[in-house]
Amino acid sequence: MSRLLVIGNKNYSSWSLRPWLAMRKAGVPFEEVQVLLDKPDTKATILKYSPAGKVPVLVEEGRSIWDSLAICEWAAEQNRGLWPEDALLRAHARSISAEMHASFPALRAQMPMNVRATRRVPITPDLQRDIDRVAELWIECRRNHGATGDWLFGAFSVADAMYAPVATRLRTYQVDLPDAALSYIETLYADPDFQEWKAAAEIEEDILRIEEVGE
């Protein structure tokens, strides 16, 4: 197959989960290439696929797309159902996806993705602000679009792919959340594609010590 999706560890690589899930939901076949992170040859191996030297990377007919949101956008061009049909809703979904792409630094730093773990970490004020903002986004989307499905905009969209790693973080670190936000996390964990990713993450033996935070 000429289409490759290069990803990192399924347990730790939040950026890899996003396009992997979007590609699955788009119904686009691909060959998965996994590169374990933080190894002596990791950078050199990834450079074979992308000059950026980071995962994820989509290689399509010899050309590289090396940003998770860009890969999700590519998937949405193959399957228009990955964005809401209505133009204003589509813009809203793109807005919250871009916010996830560029924001929430405390959540990223203090709650690294670790799918197979169950931990707790101290909730600093900056971290609480990030958690509150995520919950606010989810609750607003579910309140406005819950009648049409269980995802953020009813049907699965790129926005759900972008927030999937956050949902795993909030589950891993047992964060107290409003019921509507907890229900959204349950939607992800019940999804067959995510369950496949999660099962693979749980049997990975590689351990990245820097990602193993909390008690």
N, C-alpha and C. Protein backbone atom coordinates (compact mmCIF):
# COMPACT_ATOMS: atom_id res chain seq x y z
N MET A 1 0.85 -1.20 0.00
CA MET A 1 0.00 0.00 0.00
C MET A 1 0.88 1.25 0.00
N SER A 2 0.48 2.26 -0.78
CA SER A 2 1.28 3.48 -0.86
C SER A 2 0.92 4.50 0.21
N ARG A 3 -0.09 4.22 1.02
CA ARG A 3 -0.52 5.15 2.07
C ARG A 3 -0.08 4.62 3.42
N LEU A 4 0.79 5.37 4.09
CA LEU A 4 1.32 4.97 5.39
C LEU A 4 0.94 6.01 6.43
N LEU A 5 0.59 5.56 7.62
CA LEU A 5 0.41 6.45 8.75
C LEU A 5 1.47 6.07 9.78
N VAL A 6 2.41 6.97 10.00
CA VAL A 6 3.52 6.72 10.92
C VAL A 6 3.13 7.30 12.28
N ILE A 7 3.14 6.45 13.29
CA ILE A 7 2.69 6.85 14.63
C ILE A 7 3.74 6.46 15.67
N GLY A 8 3.55 6.98 16.88
CA GLY A 8 4.40 6.60 18.00
C GLY A 8 3.75 5.56 18.87
N ASN A 9 4.18 5.47 20.12
CA ASN A 9 3.62 4.52 21.08
C ASN A 9 2.13 4.79 21.26
N LYS A 10 1.31 3.77 21.19
CA LYS A 10 -0.13 3.97 21.36
C LYS A 10 -0.49 4.35 22.79
N ASN A 11 0.32 3.96 23.73
CA ASN A 11 0.03 4.32 25.11
C ASN A 11 0.28 5.79 25.39
N TYR A 12 1.26 6.38 24.71
CA TYR A 12 1.70 7.73 25.07
C TYR A 12 1.46 8.80 24.01
N SER A 13 1.37 8.43 22.75
CA SER A 13 1.41 9.44 21.68
C SER A 13 0.02 9.99 21.39
N SER A 14 -0.29 11.09 22.06
CA SER A 14 -1.60 11.71 21.87
C SER A 14 -1.77 12.24 20.45
N TRP A 15 -0.72 12.81 19.91
CA TRP A 15 -0.81 13.35 18.56
C TRP A 15 -1.05 12.25 17.54
N SER A 16 -0.56 11.04 17.79
CA SER A 16 -0.78 9.94 16.86
C SER A 16 -2.21 9.43 16.89
N LEU A 17 -2.83 9.42 18.08
CA LEU A 17 -4.20 8.94 18.20
C LEU A 17 -5.15 9.75 17.34
N ARG A 18 -4.96 11.05 17.29
CA ARG A 18 -5.92 11.92 16.60
C ARG A 18 -6.10 11.54 15.13
N PRO A 19 -5.05 11.54 14.31
CA PRO A 19 -5.27 11.20 12.91
C PRO A 19 -5.60 9.73 12.69
N TRP A 20 -5.08 8.86 13.55
CA TRP A 20 -5.40 7.43 13.43
C TRP A 20 -6.91 7.23 13.55
N LEU A 21 -7.51 7.89 14.54
CA LEU A 21 -8.95 7.76 14.75
C LEU A 21 -9.72 8.41 13.60
N ALA A 22 -9.27 9.58 13.15
CA ALA A 22 -9.95 10.24 12.04
C ALA A 22 -9.88 9.41 10.76
N MET A 23 -8.74 8.81 10.50
CA MET A 23 -8.59 7.98 9.30
C MET A 23 -9.52 6.77 9.38
N ARG A 24 -9.60 6.17 10.56
CA ARG A 24 -10.51 5.03 10.74
C ARG A 24 -11.96 5.46 10.47
N LYS A 25 -12.36 6.58 11.04
CA LYS A 25 -13.74 7.03 10.88
C LYS A 25 -14.03 7.46 9.44
N ALA A 26 -13.01 7.90 8.74
CA ALA A 26 -13.19 8.28 7.34
C ALA A 26 -13.33 7.06 6.44
N GLY A 27 -12.98 5.89 6.96
CA GLY A 27 -13.03 4.69 6.15
C GLY A 27 -11.91 4.63 5.12
N VAL A 28 -10.80 5.28 5.44
CA VAL A 28 -9.67 5.33 4.51
C VAL A 28 -8.66 4.25 4.92
N PRO A 29 -8.40 3.28 4.08
CA PRO A 29 -7.42 2.24 4.44
C PRO A 29 -6.01 2.81 4.49
N PHE A 30 -5.21 2.29 5.41
CA PHE A 30 -3.81 2.73 5.50
C PHE A 30 -2.99 1.64 6.16
N GLU A 31 -1.72 1.68 5.91
CA GLU A 31 -0.78 0.79 6.58
C GLU A 31 -0.17 1.55 7.75
N GLU A 32 -0.22 0.96 8.91
CA GLU A 32 0.30 1.58 10.13
C GLU A 32 1.78 1.26 10.31
N VAL A 33 2.56 2.29 10.52
CA VAL A 33 3.99 2.13 10.81
C VAL A 33 4.25 2.73 12.18
N GLN A 34 4.65 1.91 13.13
CA GLN A 34 4.87 2.42 14.48
C GLN A 34 6.37 2.60 14.74
N VAL A 35 6.70 3.77 15.26
CA VAL A 35 8.07 4.08 15.65
C VAL A 35 8.07 4.36 17.14
N LEU A 36 8.75 3.54 17.91
CA LEU A 36 8.79 3.75 19.36
C LEU A 36 9.54 5.04 19.68
N LEU A 37 8.99 5.79 20.61
CA LEU A 37 9.54 7.09 20.94
C LEU A 37 10.70 6.98 21.93
N ASP A 38 11.54 8.01 21.92
CA ASP A 38 12.63 8.16 22.89
C ASP A 38 13.63 7.00 22.83
N LYS A 39 13.93 6.54 21.62
CA LYS A 39 14.95 5.53 21.40
C LYS A 39 16.12 6.17 20.65
N PRO A 40 17.31 5.56 20.69
CA PRO A 40 18.45 6.16 20.00
C PRO A 40 18.22 6.41 18.51
N ASP A 41 17.41 5.57 17.88
CA ASP A 41 17.19 5.72 16.44
C ASP A 41 15.84 6.32 16.08
N THR A 42 15.10 6.82 17.08
CA THR A 42 13.75 7.32 16.81
C THR A 42 13.76 8.45 15.79
N LYS A 43 14.56 9.48 16.03
CA LYS A 43 14.57 10.64 15.14
C LYS A 43 15.00 10.25 13.73
N ALA A 44 16.03 9.43 13.63
CA ALA A 44 16.51 9.03 12.31
C ALA A 44 15.46 8.23 11.55
N THR A 45 14.73 7.40 12.27
CA THR A 45 13.69 6.60 11.62
C THR A 45 12.56 7.48 11.13
N ILE A 46 12.12 8.43 11.96
CA ILE A 46 11.02 9.31 11.55
C ILE A 46 11.45 10.20 10.39
N LEU A 47 12.71 10.61 10.36
CA LEU A 47 13.19 11.46 9.28
C LEU A 47 13.11 10.78 7.91
N LYS A 48 13.00 9.48 7.92
CA LYS A 48 12.82 8.77 6.64
C LYS A 48 11.45 9.09 6.03
N TYR A 49 10.52 9.52 6.88
CA TYR A 49 9.16 9.78 6.42
C TYR A 49 8.82 11.27 6.40
N SER A 50 9.48 12.07 7.25
CA SER A 50 9.13 13.49 7.35
C SER A 50 10.34 14.31 7.75
N PRO A 51 10.56 15.45 7.08
CA PRO A 51 11.68 16.33 7.47
C PRO A 51 11.48 16.97 8.83
N ALA A 52 10.25 16.98 9.34
CA ALA A 52 10.00 17.54 10.67
C ALA A 52 10.52 16.65 11.77
N GLY A 53 10.68 15.36 11.50
CA GLY A 53 11.23 14.43 12.49
C GLY A 53 10.32 14.11 13.64
N LYS A 54 9.01 14.29 13.45
CA LYS A 54 8.05 14.01 14.52
C LYS A 54 6.90 13.18 13.96
N VAL A 55 6.25 12.44 14.87
CA VAL A 55 5.02 11.74 14.50
C VAL A 55 3.83 12.56 14.98
N PRO A 56 2.69 12.38 14.31
CA PRO A 56 2.39 11.45 13.23
C PRO A 56 2.79 12.01 11.88
N VAL A 57 2.87 11.11 10.91
CA VAL A 57 3.13 11.48 9.52
C VAL A 57 2.24 10.61 8.64
N LEU A 58 1.55 11.23 7.71
CA LEU A 58 0.84 10.49 6.67
C LEU A 58 1.66 10.58 5.40
N VAL A 59 1.98 9.44 4.83
CA VAL A 59 2.70 9.40 3.56
C VAL A 59 1.72 8.90 2.50
N GLU A 60 1.37 9.77 1.59
CA GLU A 60 0.39 9.47 0.55
C GLU A 60 1.06 9.65 -0.81
N GLU A 61 1.21 8.54 -1.52
CA GLU A 61 1.85 8.56 -2.84
C GLU A 61 3.20 9.24 -2.80
N GLY A 62 3.96 8.94 -1.75
CA GLY A 62 5.31 9.45 -1.63
C GLY A 62 5.42 10.84 -1.06
N ARG A 63 4.29 11.50 -0.77
CA ARG A 63 4.31 12.84 -0.19
C ARG A 63 3.92 12.77 1.27
N SER A 64 4.55 13.62 2.09
CA SER A 64 4.35 13.57 3.53
C SER A 64 3.45 14.70 4.01
N ILE A 65 2.54 14.36 4.91
CA ILE A 65 1.73 15.32 5.66
C ILE A 65 2.07 15.08 7.13
N TRP A 66 2.64 16.06 7.80
CA TRP A 66 3.26 15.77 9.10
C TRP A 66 2.66 16.54 10.28
N ASP A 67 1.45 16.96 10.18
CA ASP A 67 0.78 17.62 11.30
C ASP A 67 -0.53 16.89 11.56
N SER A 68 -0.86 16.66 12.82
CA SER A 68 -2.05 15.85 13.13
C SER A 68 -3.33 16.47 12.60
N LEU A 69 -3.49 17.78 12.77
CA LEU A 69 -4.72 18.42 12.29
C LEU A 69 -4.75 18.44 10.77
N ALA A 70 -3.60 18.61 10.14
CA ALA A 70 -3.56 18.57 8.67
C ALA A 70 -3.94 17.18 8.16
N ILE A 71 -3.49 16.14 8.86
CA ILE A 71 -3.87 14.78 8.45
C ILE A 71 -5.37 14.58 8.64
N CYS A 72 -5.91 15.08 9.74
CA CYS A 72 -7.36 14.97 9.96
C CYS A 72 -8.12 15.71 8.87
N GLU A 73 -7.62 16.88 8.45
CA GLU A 73 -8.27 17.62 7.37
C GLU A 73 -8.21 16.82 6.07
N TRP A 74 -7.08 16.17 5.83
CA TRP A 74 -6.97 15.33 4.63
C TRP A 74 -8.01 14.22 4.68
N ALA A 75 -8.15 13.58 5.84
CA ALA A 75 -9.14 12.52 6.00
C ALA A 75 -10.54 13.05 5.74
N ALA A 76 -10.81 14.27 6.21
CA ALA A 76 -12.14 14.86 6.02
C ALA A 76 -12.40 15.18 4.55
N GLU A 77 -11.37 15.40 3.78
CA GLU A 77 -11.55 15.61 2.34
C GLU A 77 -11.88 14.30 1.63
N GLN A 78 -11.50 13.18 2.24
CA GLN A 78 -11.87 11.88 1.67
C GLN A 78 -13.28 11.47 2.09
N ASN A 79 -13.71 11.99 3.23
CA ASN A 79 -15.04 11.67 3.76
C ASN A 79 -15.62 12.93 4.38
N ARG A 80 -16.50 13.59 3.64
CA ARG A 80 -17.03 14.89 4.07
C ARG A 80 -17.81 14.80 5.38
N GLY A 81 -18.18 13.61 5.78
CA GLY A 81 -18.91 13.45 7.03
C GLY A 81 -18.10 13.73 8.27
N LEU A 82 -16.80 13.93 8.13
CA LEU A 82 -15.95 14.19 9.29
C LEU A 82 -16.02 15.64 9.78
N TRP A 83 -16.74 16.49 9.08
CA TRP A 83 -17.07 17.82 9.57
C TRP A 83 -18.58 17.98 9.50
N PRO A 84 -19.20 18.79 10.36
CA PRO A 84 -20.64 19.05 10.23
C PRO A 84 -20.99 19.61 8.86
N GLU A 85 -22.17 19.27 8.37
CA GLU A 85 -22.59 19.73 7.05
C GLU A 85 -22.86 21.23 7.02
N ASP A 86 -23.48 21.75 8.07
CA ASP A 86 -23.80 23.17 8.15
C ASP A 86 -22.53 24.00 8.26
N ALA A 87 -22.44 25.09 7.49
CA ALA A 87 -21.21 25.88 7.42
C ALA A 87 -20.84 26.50 8.77
N LEU A 88 -21.83 27.01 9.50
CA LEU A 88 -21.53 27.62 10.79
C LEU A 88 -21.09 26.57 11.81
N LEU A 89 -21.76 25.42 11.81
CA LEU A 89 -21.34 24.35 12.72
C LEU A 89 -19.96 23.85 12.35
N ARG A 90 -19.68 23.79 11.06
CA ARG A 90 -18.36 23.36 10.61
C ARG A 90 -17.28 24.33 11.10
N ALA A 91 -17.58 25.62 11.03
CA ALA A 91 -16.64 26.62 11.53
C ALA A 91 -16.46 26.50 13.05
N HIS A 92 -17.55 26.21 13.76
CA HIS A 92 -17.47 26.01 15.21
C HIS A 92 -16.59 24.80 15.52
N ALA A 93 -16.82 23.71 14.80
CA ALA A 93 -16.03 22.50 15.04
C ALA A 93 -14.56 22.74 14.73
N ARG A 94 -14.29 23.50 13.69
CA ARG A 94 -12.89 23.83 13.37
C ARG A 94 -12.29 24.73 14.46
N SER A 95 -13.10 25.63 15.01
CA SER A 95 -12.60 26.52 16.06
C SER A 95 -12.17 25.75 17.29
N ILE A 96 -13.01 24.81 17.75
CA ILE A 96 -12.63 24.10 18.96
C ILE A 96 -11.50 23.10 18.68
N SER A 97 -11.42 22.63 17.44
CA SER A 97 -10.29 21.75 17.08
C SER A 97 -8.98 22.54 17.09
N ALA A 98 -9.02 23.75 16.55
CA ALA A 98 -7.83 24.59 16.55
C ALA A 98 -7.44 24.98 17.97
N GLU A 99 -8.44 25.22 18.83
CA GLU A 99 -8.14 25.54 20.23
C GLU A 99 -7.43 24.38 20.90
N MET A 100 -7.87 23.16 20.62
CA MET A 100 -7.18 22.00 21.18
C MET A 100 -5.76 21.90 20.65
N HIS A 101 -5.59 22.19 19.39
CA HIS A 101 -4.28 22.07 18.74
C HIS A 101 -3.28 23.04 19.35
N ALA A 102 -3.75 24.21 19.79
CA ALA A 102 -2.83 25.28 20.18
C ALA A 102 -2.85 25.62 21.66
N SER A 103 -3.75 25.06 22.43
CA SER A 103 -3.95 25.52 23.81
C SER A 103 -3.74 24.40 24.83
N PHE A 104 -4.16 24.68 26.06
CA PHE A 104 -4.14 23.73 27.18
C PHE A 104 -2.73 23.26 27.54
N PRO A 105 -1.79 24.20 27.74
CA PRO A 105 -0.41 23.79 28.04
C PRO A 105 -0.26 23.09 29.38
N ALA A 106 -1.01 23.50 30.39
CA ALA A 106 -0.88 22.86 31.70
C ALA A 106 -1.38 21.42 31.65
N LEU A 107 -2.49 21.21 30.96
CA LEU A 107 -3.03 19.86 30.85
C LEU A 107 -2.04 18.95 30.12
N ARG A 108 -1.45 19.45 29.06
CA ARG A 108 -0.48 18.65 28.31
C ARG A 108 0.73 18.30 29.18
N ALA A 109 1.22 19.30 29.92
CA ALA A 109 2.46 19.10 30.68
C ALA A 109 2.25 18.26 31.93
N GLN A 110 1.14 18.49 32.63
CA GLN A 110 0.95 17.86 33.93
C GLN A 110 0.17 16.55 33.87
N MET A 111 -0.51 16.32 32.75
CA MET A 111 -1.27 15.08 32.59
C MET A 111 -0.92 14.43 31.25
N PRO A 112 0.29 13.92 31.10
CA PRO A 112 0.64 13.28 29.84
C PRO A 112 -0.25 12.07 29.55
N MET A 113 -0.50 11.82 28.29
CA MET A 113 -1.34 10.68 27.92
C MET A 113 -0.67 9.39 28.36
N ASN A 114 -1.44 8.54 29.02
CA ASN A 114 -0.95 7.25 29.52
C ASN A 114 -2.17 6.34 29.63
N VAL A 115 -2.54 5.76 28.51
CA VAL A 115 -3.83 5.08 28.38
C VAL A 115 -3.99 3.94 29.38
N ARG A 116 -2.92 3.21 29.64
CA ARG A 116 -3.06 2.01 30.46
C ARG A 116 -2.97 2.28 31.96
N ALA A 117 -2.71 3.52 32.34
CA ALA A 117 -2.50 3.83 33.75
C ALA A 117 -3.78 4.33 34.42
N THR A 118 -3.80 4.24 35.75
CA THR A 118 -4.81 4.89 36.58
C THR A 118 -4.06 5.61 37.69
N ARG A 119 -4.08 6.91 37.68
CA ARG A 119 -3.25 7.71 38.57
C ARG A 119 -4.02 8.94 39.07
N ARG A 120 -3.37 9.66 39.94
CA ARG A 120 -3.82 11.01 40.30
C ARG A 120 -2.60 11.92 40.33
N VAL A 121 -2.84 13.19 39.97
CA VAL A 121 -1.79 14.20 40.04
C VAL A 121 -2.35 15.42 40.76
N PRO A 122 -1.48 16.25 41.34
CA PRO A 122 -1.97 17.49 41.96
C PRO A 122 -2.63 18.38 40.91
N ILE A 123 -3.74 18.98 41.26
CA ILE A 123 -4.45 19.86 40.33
C ILE A 123 -4.05 21.31 40.65
N THR A 124 -3.15 21.85 39.87
CA THR A 124 -2.73 23.23 40.04
C THR A 124 -3.80 24.17 39.48
N PRO A 125 -3.74 25.45 39.85
CA PRO A 125 -4.72 26.40 39.30
C PRO A 125 -4.72 26.44 37.77
N ASP A 126 -3.54 26.42 37.15
CA ASP A 126 -3.48 26.44 35.68
C ASP A 126 -4.10 25.17 35.09
N LEU A 127 -3.83 24.05 35.71
CA LEU A 127 -4.40 22.80 35.23
C LEU A 127 -5.91 22.81 35.39
N GLN A 128 -6.41 23.31 36.50
CA GLN A 128 -7.86 23.35 36.71
C GLN A 128 -8.53 24.24 35.67
N ARG A 129 -7.87 25.36 35.31
CA ARG A 129 -8.44 26.22 34.27
C ARG A 129 -8.55 25.48 32.94
N ASP A 130 -7.52 24.72 32.60
CA ASP A 130 -7.58 23.94 31.35
C ASP A 130 -8.69 22.89 31.40
N ILE A 131 -8.79 22.20 32.53
CA ILE A 131 -9.83 21.18 32.68
C ILE A 131 -11.22 21.82 32.56
N ASP A 132 -11.40 22.96 33.23
CA ASP A 132 -12.70 23.63 33.20
C ASP A 132 -13.06 24.06 31.78
N ARG A 133 -12.08 24.54 31.04
CA ARG A 133 -12.35 24.98 29.67
C ARG A 133 -12.74 23.79 28.78
N VAL A 134 -12.03 22.69 28.91
CA VAL A 134 -12.39 21.50 28.14
C VAL A 134 -13.81 21.06 28.47
N ALA A 135 -14.11 20.97 29.75
CA ALA A 135 -15.47 20.56 30.16
C ALA A 135 -16.51 21.51 29.63
N GLU A 136 -16.21 22.81 29.67
CA GLU A 136 -17.15 23.81 29.15
C GLU A 136 -17.43 23.58 27.67
N LEU A 137 -16.38 23.33 26.88
CA LEU A 137 -16.55 23.08 25.46
C LEU A 137 -17.40 21.84 25.21
N TRP A 138 -17.07 20.77 25.90
CA TRP A 138 -17.81 19.53 25.72
C TRP A 138 -19.29 19.69 26.08
N ILE A 139 -19.54 20.30 27.22
CA ILE A 139 -20.91 20.43 27.71
C ILE A 139 -21.73 21.29 26.76
N GLU A 140 -21.14 22.38 26.28
CA GLU A 140 -21.86 23.24 25.33
C GLU A 140 -22.22 22.47 24.06
N CYS A 141 -21.24 21.73 23.52
CA CYS A 141 -21.50 20.96 22.30
C CYS A 141 -22.57 19.90 22.53
N ARG A 142 -22.48 19.19 23.64
CA ARG A 142 -23.45 18.14 23.90
C ARG A 142 -24.85 18.72 24.15
N ARG A 143 -24.92 19.88 24.79
CA ARG A 143 -26.22 20.52 25.02
C ARG A 143 -26.86 20.92 23.69
N ASN A 144 -26.05 21.40 22.76
CA ASN A 144 -26.60 21.90 21.50
C ASN A 144 -26.83 20.82 20.45
N HIS A 145 -26.10 19.71 20.56
CA HIS A 145 -26.14 18.72 19.47
C HIS A 145 -26.45 17.30 19.96
N GLY A 146 -26.78 17.16 21.22
CA GLY A 146 -27.02 15.83 21.78
C GLY A 146 -28.18 15.09 21.15
N ALA A 147 -29.11 15.81 20.57
CA ALA A 147 -30.27 15.15 19.97
C ALA A 147 -29.92 14.38 18.70
N THR A 148 -28.76 14.70 18.11
CA THR A 148 -28.40 14.07 16.82
C THR A 148 -27.31 13.02 16.96
N GLY A 149 -26.86 12.75 18.18
CA GLY A 149 -25.83 11.74 18.37
C GLY A 149 -25.03 12.01 19.63
N ASP A 150 -24.12 11.11 19.96
CA ASP A 150 -23.41 11.16 21.23
C ASP A 150 -22.05 11.85 21.17
N TRP A 151 -21.62 12.27 19.96
CA TRP A 151 -20.34 12.94 19.84
C TRP A 151 -20.53 14.45 19.99
N LEU A 152 -19.47 15.22 19.87
CA LEU A 152 -19.55 16.65 20.16
C LEU A 152 -20.54 17.37 19.26
N PHE A 153 -20.59 16.98 18.00
CA PHE A 153 -21.53 17.61 17.06
C PHE A 153 -22.55 16.60 16.55
N GLY A 154 -22.90 15.65 17.38
CA GLY A 154 -23.84 14.60 17.01
C GLY A 154 -23.09 13.41 16.44
N ALA A 155 -22.78 13.47 15.15
CA ALA A 155 -21.96 12.43 14.52
C ALA A 155 -20.48 12.70 14.81
N PHE A 156 -19.68 11.64 14.73
CA PHE A 156 -18.23 11.79 14.95
C PHE A 156 -17.67 12.80 13.96
N SER A 157 -16.78 13.67 14.45
CA SER A 157 -16.13 14.66 13.60
C SER A 157 -14.66 14.76 13.97
N VAL A 158 -13.94 15.56 13.20
CA VAL A 158 -12.53 15.81 13.51
C VAL A 158 -12.38 16.37 14.92
N ALA A 159 -13.36 17.14 15.37
CA ALA A 159 -13.29 17.68 16.73
C ALA A 159 -13.17 16.57 17.76
N ASP A 160 -13.88 15.48 17.56
CA ASP A 160 -13.79 14.34 18.48
C ASP A 160 -12.41 13.69 18.42
N ALA A 161 -11.86 13.60 17.22
CA ALA A 161 -10.50 13.06 17.10
C ALA A 161 -9.51 13.93 17.86
N MET A 162 -9.68 15.24 17.78
CA MET A 162 -8.75 16.15 18.45
C MET A 162 -8.85 16.05 19.97
N TYR A 163 -10.05 15.81 20.49
CA TYR A 163 -10.21 15.77 21.95
C TYR A 163 -10.11 14.37 22.54
N ALA A 164 -9.98 13.35 21.71
CA ALA A 164 -9.90 11.98 22.23
C ALA A 164 -8.75 11.80 23.22
N PRO A 165 -7.53 12.29 22.94
CA PRO A 165 -6.46 12.11 23.92
C PRO A 165 -6.72 12.82 25.24
N VAL A 166 -7.43 13.94 25.18
CA VAL A 166 -7.78 14.65 26.42
C VAL A 166 -8.73 13.79 27.25
N ALA A 167 -9.67 13.16 26.58
CA ALA A 167 -10.60 12.28 27.30
C ALA A 167 -9.84 11.17 28.01
N THR A 168 -8.82 10.62 27.36
CA THR A 168 -8.05 9.56 28.03
C THR A 168 -7.30 10.11 29.23
N ARG A 169 -6.79 11.31 29.11
CA ARG A 169 -6.07 11.92 30.24
C ARG A 169 -7.00 12.09 31.44
N LEU A 170 -8.18 12.62 31.18
CA LEU A 170 -9.11 12.86 32.28
C LEU A 170 -9.56 11.57 32.93
N ARG A 171 -9.62 10.49 32.14
CA ARG A 171 -9.93 9.17 32.70
C ARG A 171 -8.73 8.63 33.48
N THR A 172 -7.56 8.71 32.90
CA THR A 172 -6.35 8.18 33.55
C THR A 172 -6.14 8.80 34.92
N TYR A 173 -6.30 10.13 35.01
CA TYR A 173 -6.00 10.83 36.26
C TYR A 173 -7.24 11.06 37.12
N GLN A 174 -8.33 10.38 36.79
CA GLN A 174 -9.53 10.31 37.63
C GLN A 174 -10.03 11.70 38.03
N VAL A 175 -10.14 12.56 37.04
CA VAL A 175 -10.53 13.95 37.29
C VAL A 175 -12.03 14.03 37.55
N ASP A 176 -12.39 14.79 38.56
CA ASP A 176 -13.80 15.04 38.85
C ASP A 176 -14.38 15.98 37.80
N LEU A 177 -15.47 15.55 37.17
CA LEU A 177 -16.06 16.31 36.07
C LEU A 177 -17.58 16.30 36.19
N PRO A 178 -18.23 17.27 35.55
CA PRO A 178 -19.70 17.22 35.47
C PRO A 178 -20.16 15.98 34.72
N ASP A 179 -21.37 15.56 35.00
CA ASP A 179 -21.88 14.32 34.40
C ASP A 179 -21.86 14.36 32.87
N ALA A 180 -22.15 15.50 32.28
CA ALA A 180 -22.18 15.58 30.82
C ALA A 180 -20.80 15.34 30.23
N ALA A 181 -19.76 15.82 30.90
CA ALA A 181 -18.41 15.59 30.41
C ALA A 181 -18.00 14.13 30.60
N LEU A 182 -18.39 13.55 31.73
CA LEU A 182 -18.11 12.13 31.96
C LEU A 182 -18.82 11.25 30.93
N SER A 183 -20.04 11.64 30.57
CA SER A 183 -20.79 10.89 29.57
C SER A 183 -20.09 10.92 28.22
N TYR A 184 -19.51 12.05 27.89
CA TYR A 184 -18.79 12.15 26.62
C TYR A 184 -17.56 11.22 26.61
N ILE A 185 -16.87 11.15 27.73
CA ILE A 185 -15.73 10.23 27.83
C ILE A 185 -16.19 8.80 27.64
N GLU A 186 -17.33 8.46 28.21
CA GLU A 186 -17.88 7.11 28.03
C GLU A 186 -18.18 6.82 26.57
N THR A 187 -18.62 7.83 25.84
CA THR A 187 -18.88 7.65 24.40
C THR A 187 -17.60 7.24 23.69
N LEU A 188 -16.50 7.91 23.99
CA LEU A 188 -15.23 7.53 23.37
C LEU A 188 -14.83 6.12 23.76
N TYR A 189 -14.90 5.79 25.03
CA TYR A 189 -14.42 4.49 25.50
C TYR A 189 -15.30 3.34 25.02
N ALA A 190 -16.51 3.63 24.59
CA ALA A 190 -17.38 2.60 24.03
C ALA A 190 -17.19 2.41 22.53
N ASP A 191 -16.42 3.30 21.92
CA ASP A 191 -16.25 3.26 20.47
C ASP A 191 -15.34 2.11 20.05
N PRO A 192 -15.72 1.28 19.09
CA PRO A 192 -14.91 0.12 18.71
C PRO A 192 -13.52 0.47 18.20
N ASP A 193 -13.40 1.55 17.44
CA ASP A 193 -12.08 1.93 16.94
C ASP A 193 -11.17 2.35 18.09
N PHE A 194 -11.70 3.17 18.99
CA PHE A 194 -10.88 3.55 20.14
C PHE A 194 -10.54 2.34 21.00
N GLN A 195 -11.48 1.41 21.16
CA GLN A 195 -11.20 0.22 21.95
C GLN A 195 -10.05 -0.58 21.35
N GLU A 196 -9.96 -0.60 20.03
CA GLU A 196 -8.84 -1.30 19.40
C GLU A 196 -7.52 -0.61 19.74
N TRP A 197 -7.50 0.72 19.65
CA TRP A 197 -6.29 1.47 20.01
C TRP A 197 -5.93 1.21 21.48
N LYS A 198 -6.92 1.29 22.35
CA LYS A 198 -6.70 1.11 23.79
C LYS A 198 -6.15 -0.28 24.09
N ALA A 199 -6.70 -1.30 23.45
CA ALA A 199 -6.22 -2.67 23.69
C ALA A 199 -4.77 -2.81 23.28
N ALA A 200 -4.40 -2.18 22.17
CA ALA A 200 -3.00 -2.23 21.74
C ALA A 200 -2.10 -1.47 22.70
N ALA A 201 -2.59 -0.32 23.20
CA ALA A 201 -1.80 0.47 24.15
C ALA A 201 -1.53 -0.31 25.43
N GLU A 202 -2.52 -1.06 25.87
CA GLU A 202 -2.41 -1.77 27.15
C GLU A 202 -1.41 -2.91 27.12
N ILE A 203 -1.12 -3.43 25.95
CA ILE A 203 -0.16 -4.55 25.90
C ILE A 203 1.22 -4.11 25.46
N GLU A 204 1.39 -2.83 25.18
CA GLU A 204 2.74 -2.34 24.87
C GLU A 204 3.63 -2.48 26.10
N GLU A 205 4.83 -2.92 25.89
CA GLU A 205 5.75 -3.13 27.00
C GLU A 205 6.72 -1.97 27.19
N ASP A 206 6.83 -1.12 26.21
CA ASP A 206 7.76 0.00 26.29
C ASP A 206 7.30 1.00 27.34
N ILE A 207 8.22 1.52 28.13
CA ILE A 207 7.90 2.49 29.19
C ILE A 207 8.73 3.75 28.97
N LEU A 208 8.04 4.88 28.92
CA LEU A 208 8.70 6.18 28.85
C LEU A 208 8.60 6.82 30.23
N ARG A 209 9.69 6.81 30.95
CA ARG A 209 9.66 7.25 32.35
C ARG A 209 9.16 8.68 32.49
N ILE A 210 9.51 9.54 31.54
CA ILE A 210 9.10 10.94 31.66
C ILE A 210 7.59 11.10 31.59
N GLU A 211 6.90 10.14 30.99
CA GLU A 211 5.45 10.19 30.86
C GLU A 211 4.74 9.53 32.03
N GLU A 212 5.47 8.83 32.87
CA GLU A 212 4.85 8.08 33.98
C GLU A 212 4.78 8.95 35.22
N VAL A 213 3.81 9.84 35.23
CA VAL A 213 3.64 10.77 36.35
C VAL A 213 2.45 10.37 37.20
N GLY A 214 2.39 10.91 38.40
CA GLY A 214 1.25 10.66 39.29
C GLY A 214 1.43 9.45 40.16
N GLU A 215 0.48 9.26 41.04
CA GLU A 215 0.51 8.15 42.00
C GLU A 215 -0.81 7.39 41.97
